[in-house]
């Protein structure tokens, strides 16, 4: 599954440039955890307010 261009544009309207990672190298840092499993995310988000989180979930 990949994030559509339309959704990515909407996310960029909600979040600032420092709150969204789309580069492969950046996403790779968030592709694994202590379980040992790995999955490259399509995008990594860093919302800072409840309002941003609410808007993201409404997409």
C-alpha atoms as a PDB file:
ATOM      1  CA  UNK A   1       0.000   0.000   0.000  1.00  0.00           C
ATOM      2  CA  UNK A   2       1.291   3.435  -0.819  1.00  0.00           C
ATOM      3  CA  UNK A   3       0.116   6.891   0.106  1.00  0.00           C
ATOM      4  CA  UNK A   4      -1.605   8.663  -2.784  1.00  0.00           C
ATOM      5  CA  UNK A   5      -0.381  12.053  -3.961  1.00  0.00           C
ATOM      6  CA  UNK A   6      -3.688  13.552  -2.866  1.00  0.00           C
ATOM      7  CA  UNK A   7      -3.324  12.247   0.702  1.00  0.00           C
ATOM      8  CA  UNK A   8       0.305  13.356   0.849  1.00  0.00           C
ATOM      9  CA  UNK A   9      -0.699  16.877  -0.216  1.00  0.00           C
ATOM     10  CA  UNK A  10      -3.381  16.933   2.478  1.00  0.00           C
ATOM     11  CA  UNK A  11      -0.871  15.774   5.095  1.00  0.00           C
ATOM     12  CA  UNK A  12       1.499  18.561   4.071  1.00  0.00           C
ATOM     13  CA  UNK A  13      -1.287  21.100   4.593  1.00  0.00           C
ATOM     14  CA  UNK A  14      -1.864  19.787   8.122  1.00  0.00           C
ATOM     15  CA  UNK A  15       1.751  19.313   9.200  1.00  0.00           C
ATOM     16  CA  UNK A  16       4.813  21.509   8.891  1.00  0.00           C
ATOM     17  CA  UNK A  17       7.817  20.409   6.815  1.00  0.00           C
ATOM     18  CA  UNK A  18       9.645  19.245   9.942  1.00  0.00           C
ATOM     19  CA  UNK A  19       6.709  17.010  10.931  1.00  0.00           C
ATOM     20  CA  UNK A  20       6.627  14.730   7.890  1.00  0.00           C
ATOM     21  CA  UNK A  21       9.280  12.397   6.474  1.00  0.00           C
ATOM     22  CA  UNK A  22       9.003  10.950   2.994  1.00  0.00           C
ATOM     23  CA  UNK A  23      12.648  10.310   2.116  1.00  0.00           C
ATOM     24  CA  UNK A  24      13.714   6.671   1.966  1.00  0.00           C
ATOM     25  CA  UNK A  25      16.641   7.145   4.362  1.00  0.00           C
ATOM     26  CA  UNK A  26      14.450   8.903   6.930  1.00  0.00           C
ATOM     27  CA  UNK A  27      11.704   6.269   6.655  1.00  0.00           C
ATOM     28  CA  UNK A  28      14.258   3.488   7.017  1.00  0.00           C
ATOM     29  CA  UNK A  29      15.020   4.729  10.536  1.00  0.00           C
ATOM     30  CA  UNK A  30      11.392   3.998  11.488  1.00  0.00           C
ATOM     31  CA  UNK A  31      11.112   0.659   9.678  1.00  0.00           C
ATOM     32  CA  UNK A  32      11.937  -1.609  12.605  1.00  0.00           C
ATOM     33  CA  UNK A  33      11.505  -1.992  16.344  1.00  0.00           C
ATOM     34  CA  UNK A  34      12.372  -4.414  19.134  1.00  0.00           C
ATOM     35  CA  UNK A  35      10.340  -7.227  17.549  1.00  0.00           C
ATOM     36  CA  UNK A  36      13.005  -7.775  14.906  1.00  0.00           C
ATOM     37  CA  UNK A  37      10.489  -7.365  12.087  1.00  0.00           C
ATOM     38  CA  UNK A  38      11.009  -4.713   9.463  1.00  0.00           C
ATOM     39  CA  UNK A  39       8.544  -2.861   7.246  1.00  0.00           C
ATOM     40  CA  UNK A  40       9.359   0.362   5.397  1.00  0.00           C
ATOM     41  CA  UNK A  41       6.605   2.929   6.036  1.00  0.00           C
ATOM     42  CA  UNK A  42       5.308   5.044   3.147  1.00  0.00           C
ATOM     43  CA  UNK A  43       5.485   8.173   5.265  1.00  0.00           C
ATOM     44  CA  UNK A  44       6.387   9.047   8.871  1.00  0.00           C
ATOM     45  CA  UNK A  45       4.351  11.706  10.677  1.00  0.00           C
ATOM     46  CA  UNK A  46       5.137  13.727  13.791  1.00  0.00           C
ATOM     47  CA  UNK A  47       1.943  15.575  14.761  1.00  0.00           C
ATOM     48  CA  UNK A  48       2.353  17.920  17.711  1.00  0.00           C
ATOM     49  CA  UNK A  49      -1.208  18.829  18.632  1.00  0.00           C
ATOM     50  CA  UNK A  50      -4.491  17.008  19.197  1.00  0.00           C
ATOM     51  CA  UNK A  51      -5.959  19.081  16.359  1.00  0.00           C
ATOM     52  CA  UNK A  52      -3.344  17.798  13.906  1.00  0.00           C
ATOM     53  CA  UNK A  53      -3.990  14.214  14.997  1.00  0.00           C
ATOM     54  CA  UNK A  54      -7.741  14.688  14.553  1.00  0.00           C
ATOM     55  CA  UNK A  55      -7.306  16.131  11.052  1.00  0.00           C
ATOM     56  CA  UNK A  56      -5.004  13.259  10.052  1.00  0.00           C
ATOM     57  CA  UNK A  57      -7.523  10.643  11.197  1.00  0.00           C
ATOM     58  CA  UNK A  58     -10.296  12.423   9.288  1.00  0.00           C
ATOM     59  CA  UNK A  59      -8.415  11.955   6.018  1.00  0.00           C
END
